[in-house]
Amino acid sequence: MQKSAANLDVADVAPTAPILTGYDEQHLVTYLRLLDAAADGADWKEVARTVLHIDVAREPDRARRAWETHLARARWITEHGYRDLLRGGAPH
């Protein structure tokens, strides 16, 4: 059974490519949820647990790194990556 877009597993580190990637497209809902949580001032640990599905108590370093890099990528998409979405998405 396929996971919903809101429940996808995330990589330890988000992509850093200067173009939108397939991973980015698959995780757009995750990125939006991260942006919403940041705008609401949510605690990063709670966001890592609920949005990224990482156990912060067991993997604090991984959780922090994943949260930081995915939030940075979400912000990059709002400033630059959205152009690739408007052009039809990630190159295949």
Protein backbone atom coordinates (compact mmCIF):
# COMPACT_ATOMS: atom_id res chain seq x y z
CA MET A 1 0.00 0.00 0.00
CA GLN A 2 1.36 3.42 -0.95
CA LYS A 3 1.90 6.06 1.74
CA SER A 4 0.02 9.33 1.50
CA ALA A 5 2.00 12.47 0.70
CA ALA A 6 1.65 13.59 4.33
CA ASN A 7 3.21 10.37 5.64
CA LEU A 8 6.23 9.86 3.41
CA ASP A 9 9.54 8.95 5.00
CA VAL A 10 12.18 11.64 4.67
CA ALA A 11 15.87 11.45 3.93
CA ASP A 12 18.35 12.39 6.65
CA VAL A 13 19.24 15.46 4.60
CA ALA A 14 17.09 17.29 2.05
CA PRO A 15 18.37 17.79 -1.51
CA THR A 16 20.62 20.75 -2.24
CA ALA A 17 20.50 20.67 -6.04
CA PRO A 18 20.00 24.05 -7.73
CA ILE A 19 16.92 22.62 -9.47
CA LEU A 20 13.76 20.96 -8.24
CA THR A 21 14.22 17.21 -7.80
CA GLY A 22 11.88 14.26 -7.91
CA TYR A 23 12.34 13.99 -4.13
CA ASP A 24 11.18 17.60 -3.81
CA GLU A 25 8.07 16.91 -5.85
CA GLN A 26 7.24 13.87 -3.73
CA HIS A 27 7.69 15.87 -0.53
CA LEU A 28 5.84 19.09 -1.40
CA VAL A 29 3.23 18.41 1.29
CA THR A 30 6.02 17.88 3.83
CA TYR A 31 7.62 21.17 2.81
CA LEU A 32 4.30 23.01 3.13
CA ARG A 33 3.69 21.53 6.57
CA LEU A 34 7.19 22.62 7.65
CA LEU A 35 6.57 26.15 6.42
CA ASP A 36 3.23 26.29 8.24
CA ALA A 37 4.80 25.03 11.45
CA ALA A 38 7.63 27.57 11.20
CA ALA A 39 5.15 30.38 10.62
CA ASP A 40 3.25 29.25 13.72
CA GLY A 41 6.45 29.16 15.78
CA ALA A 42 6.14 25.44 16.48
CA ASP A 43 8.89 23.68 18.42
CA TRP A 44 11.29 21.95 16.03
CA LYS A 45 11.18 18.73 18.06
CA GLU A 46 7.42 18.45 17.74
CA VAL A 47 7.66 19.20 14.02
CA ALA A 48 10.36 16.57 13.54
CA ARG A 49 8.14 14.05 15.28
CA THR A 50 4.83 14.86 13.62
CA VAL A 51 5.87 16.02 10.15
CA LEU A 52 9.14 14.18 9.54
CA HIS A 53 8.18 11.08 11.57
CA ILE A 54 11.50 10.95 13.40
CA ASP A 55 11.79 9.93 17.05
CA VAL A 56 13.65 12.91 18.51
CA ALA A 57 14.44 11.09 21.76
CA ARG A 58 16.13 8.20 19.94
CA GLU A 59 17.71 10.16 17.06
CA PRO A 60 18.16 13.79 18.14
CA ASP A 61 20.99 14.59 15.73
CA ARG A 62 19.22 13.06 12.74
CA ALA A 63 15.97 14.77 13.70
CA ARG A 64 17.60 18.20 13.99
CA ARG A 65 19.55 17.80 10.72
CA ALA A 66 16.48 16.58 8.83
CA TRP A 67 14.33 19.39 10.21
CA GLU A 68 16.92 22.09 9.43
CA THR A 69 17.69 20.89 5.90
CA HIS A 70 14.08 20.20 4.92
CA LEU A 71 12.93 23.57 6.22
CA ALA A 72 15.77 25.27 4.34
CA ARG A 73 14.76 23.39 1.19
CA ALA A 74 11.12 24.38 1.68
CA ARG A 75 12.20 28.01 1.89
CA TRP A 76 14.40 27.62 -1.20
CA ILE A 77 11.40 26.29 -3.12
CA THR A 78 9.35 29.36 -2.18
CA GLU A 79 12.11 31.63 -3.48
CA HIS A 80 13.53 29.71 -6.44
CA GLY A 81 12.29 26.15 -6.94
CA TYR A 82 8.69 27.14 -7.62
CA ARG A 83 9.85 28.25 -11.08
CA ASP A 84 10.60 24.63 -11.94
CA LEU A 85 7.10 23.70 -10.77
CA LEU A 86 5.61 26.34 -13.06
CA ARG A 87 7.64 24.90 -15.95
CA GLY A 88 6.23 21.44 -15.38
CA GLY A 89 8.21 20.10 -12.44
CA ALA A 90 11.52 18.39 -11.96
CA PRO A 91 13.45 17.37 -15.07
CA HIS A 92 13.13 13.64 -15.76
